[in-house]
Amino acid sequence: MQAGVKKKKKAKSGSVQVKASNSCLQLVFSFNGKRHYLSLGLTDTPFNRKQAQDKAFDIRRDIDYGQFDANDLDKYKTFASSDQAELTVPTEQAPALMEIWLAYFESKRSQLKPKTIEKYENFMRLFDKLGNLSIENALEDVLKGSD
C-alpha cells in the first residue's frame, strides 16, 4: 500500500450501510449470503440521510428478529418527505399551561428536594394569577413578540 493512501474499510458483517449513488441514497446489506441494494429514491440531504439510517436500522432489526422478508422490500421505501410533510392542526383543544405544569410537577415531585418543591409551587401561584392560558395562546404571544 502506498503512503498516504487510505484503504477503504469493509462494512462490518451483518450491517446495513447507507450509500450515496449518483446523489441518491440506497441501502446496501447482505441477507442469506446474497447482497441487496435497495434504492430509496431519496436525494442525499441530511434530512433524507437520517430517514435512510432509520430504515437501515429497521432492516437490521427485522433481520435480527427473523422478520425480514427479502421479497417485501417496498415497506422500507415509505418515507415522510420534507417537502411533502404537512403540519396538522390538532382537533382537540390543547391543554392549559397549568395542566401541563401540574403534570410535570407531579411526575417529578418524588425526586425533588423540599426547597425545589417550594419554588415549583411559586410557579403554580404565578400560573394561577395569569389565568387559564393555553399553549396555543402562549406560543402566539411569543411569536408576536419576536416580530
Protein backbone atom coordinates (compact mmCIF):
# COMPACT_ATOMS: atom_id res chain seq x y z
CA MET A 1 0.00 0.00 0.00
CA GLN A 2 1.25 3.47 -0.87
CA ALA A 3 1.98 6.01 1.83
CA GLY A 4 -0.85 8.49 2.35
CA VAL A 5 -3.46 6.34 0.58
CA LYS A 6 -6.15 5.06 2.88
CA LYS A 7 -7.62 1.66 2.26
CA LYS A 8 -11.42 1.69 2.20
CA LYS A 9 -12.81 -0.23 5.16
CA LYS A 10 -15.11 -3.14 4.51
CA ALA A 11 -18.55 -2.93 6.16
CA LYS A 12 -18.99 -4.97 9.30
CA SER A 13 -20.69 -8.30 8.69
CA GLY A 14 -24.45 -8.07 9.15
CA SER A 15 -24.54 -4.29 8.86
CA VAL A 16 -26.84 -2.23 6.68
CA GLN A 17 -24.95 0.61 5.03
CA VAL A 18 -26.35 3.89 3.73
CA LYS A 19 -24.62 4.80 0.46
CA ALA A 20 -25.00 7.67 -1.98
CA SER A 21 -25.04 6.66 -5.63
CA ASN A 22 -25.50 9.43 -8.22
CA SER A 23 -26.74 11.72 -5.41
CA CYS A 24 -29.46 9.20 -4.47
CA LEU A 25 -29.46 7.19 -1.27
CA GLN A 26 -29.51 3.43 -1.18
CA LEU A 27 -29.16 0.75 1.46
CA VAL A 28 -26.62 -2.00 0.95
CA PHE A 29 -26.68 -5.19 3.01
CA SER A 30 -26.33 -8.95 2.87
CA PHE A 31 -29.02 -11.46 3.76
CA ASN A 32 -28.70 -15.25 3.44
CA GLY A 33 -25.44 -14.83 1.55
CA LYS A 34 -26.98 -12.54 -1.06
CA ARG A 35 -26.06 -8.86 -1.46
CA HIS A 36 -29.03 -6.48 -1.61
CA TYR A 37 -29.11 -2.94 -2.97
CA LEU A 38 -32.25 -1.05 -2.06
CA SER A 39 -32.62 2.30 -3.85
CA LEU A 40 -34.68 4.61 -1.69
CA GLY A 41 -35.50 7.30 -4.26
CA LEU A 42 -34.22 10.00 -1.91
CA THR A 43 -31.65 12.64 -2.74
CA ASP A 44 -28.64 12.86 -0.44
CA THR A 45 -29.63 15.55 2.09
CA PRO A 46 -29.14 15.50 5.87
CA PHE A 47 -32.90 15.01 6.43
CA ASN A 48 -33.11 12.15 3.90
CA ARG A 49 -29.91 10.56 5.20
CA LYS A 50 -31.47 10.42 8.67
CA GLN A 51 -34.55 8.74 7.21
CA ALA A 52 -32.32 6.27 5.37
CA GLN A 53 -30.43 5.50 8.59
CA ASP A 54 -33.77 4.85 10.31
CA LYS A 55 -34.74 2.40 7.54
CA ALA A 56 -31.31 0.74 7.81
CA PHE A 57 -31.99 0.24 11.50
CA ASP A 58 -35.43 -1.23 10.69
CA ILE A 59 -33.90 -3.73 8.27
CA ARG A 60 -31.17 -4.71 10.74
CA ARG A 61 -33.78 -5.17 13.48
CA ASP A 62 -36.01 -7.28 11.22
CA ILE A 63 -33.06 -9.47 10.24
CA ASP A 64 -32.04 -9.90 13.88
CA TYR A 65 -35.57 -10.91 14.91
CA GLY A 66 -36.11 -13.22 11.94
CA GLN A 67 -38.84 -11.00 10.49
CA PHE A 68 -37.02 -9.88 7.35
CA ASP A 69 -38.58 -10.84 4.00
CA ALA A 70 -36.30 -10.19 1.02
CA ASN A 71 -39.37 -10.35 -1.26
CA ASP A 72 -41.11 -7.46 0.55
CA LEU A 73 -38.64 -4.58 0.40
CA ASP A 74 -41.27 -1.97 -0.51
CA LYS A 75 -42.13 -1.46 3.16
CA TYR A 76 -38.66 0.04 3.65
CA LYS A 77 -39.26 2.63 0.91
CA THR A 78 -42.05 4.55 2.68
CA PHE A 79 -40.96 8.00 3.87
CA ALA A 80 -42.29 11.33 5.00
CA SER A 81 -40.72 13.76 2.55
CA SER A 82 -39.54 17.07 3.96
CA ASP A 83 -41.22 18.95 1.11
CA GLN A 84 -44.38 16.83 1.33
CA ALA A 85 -44.72 16.93 5.09
CA GLU A 86 -47.80 18.74 6.26
CA LEU A 87 -48.45 20.30 9.60
CA THR A 88 -51.62 19.00 11.14
CA VAL A 89 -53.79 21.09 13.37
CA PRO A 90 -54.90 19.22 16.47
CA THR A 91 -58.64 18.67 16.57
CA GLU A 92 -58.88 18.68 20.34
CA GLN A 93 -58.07 21.71 22.43
CA ALA A 94 -54.51 21.97 23.68
CA PRO A 95 -54.08 21.63 27.43
CA ALA A 96 -53.80 24.74 29.53
CA LEU A 97 -50.39 25.80 30.78
CA MET A 98 -51.40 24.98 34.36
CA GLU A 99 -52.39 21.42 33.36
CA ILE A 100 -49.03 20.84 31.74
CA TRP A 101 -47.18 22.32 34.69
CA LEU A 102 -49.13 20.20 37.20
CA ALA A 103 -48.49 17.01 35.23
CA TYR A 104 -44.78 17.80 35.07
CA PHE A 105 -44.61 18.80 38.72
CA GLU A 106 -46.39 15.66 39.92
CA SER A 107 -44.17 13.42 37.80
CA LYS A 108 -41.05 14.98 39.39
CA ARG A 109 -42.30 15.64 42.94
CA SER A 110 -40.86 12.43 44.47
CA GLN A 111 -37.38 13.32 43.15
CA LEU A 112 -37.33 16.91 44.35
CA LYS A 113 -35.89 18.49 47.45
CA PRO A 114 -38.28 20.49 49.68
CA LYS A 115 -36.77 23.83 48.61
CA THR A 116 -37.28 22.96 44.94
CA ILE A 117 -40.88 21.92 45.64
CA GLU A 118 -41.41 25.31 47.27
CA LYS A 119 -40.06 27.08 44.16
CA TYR A 120 -42.26 24.98 41.88
CA GLU A 121 -45.30 25.83 43.98
CA ASN A 122 -44.46 29.51 43.43
CA PHE A 123 -44.73 28.88 39.69
CA MET A 124 -48.17 27.36 40.25
CA ARG A 125 -49.29 30.52 42.03
CA LEU A 126 -47.97 32.61 39.13
CA PHE A 127 -49.81 30.47 36.56
CA ASP A 128 -52.94 30.73 38.67
CA LYS A 129 -52.71 34.55 38.60
CA LEU A 130 -52.25 34.51 34.83
CA GLY A 131 -55.47 32.61 34.35
CA ASN A 132 -56.29 29.70 32.10
CA LEU A 133 -53.58 30.19 29.46
CA SER A 134 -53.46 27.69 26.63
CA ILE A 135 -50.21 26.68 25.00
CA GLU A 136 -51.54 27.91 21.64
CA ASN A 137 -52.11 31.42 23.00
CA ALA A 138 -48.76 31.44 24.79
CA LEU A 139 -46.96 30.47 21.56
CA GLU A 140 -48.83 33.09 19.56
CA ASP A 141 -47.85 35.75 22.10
CA VAL A 142 -44.20 34.69 21.95
CA LEU A 143 -44.19 34.72 18.14
CA LYS A 144 -45.83 38.14 18.02
CA GLY A 145 -43.21 39.47 20.43
CA SER A 146 -40.35 38.33 18.17
CA ASP A 147 -41.52 40.46 15.18
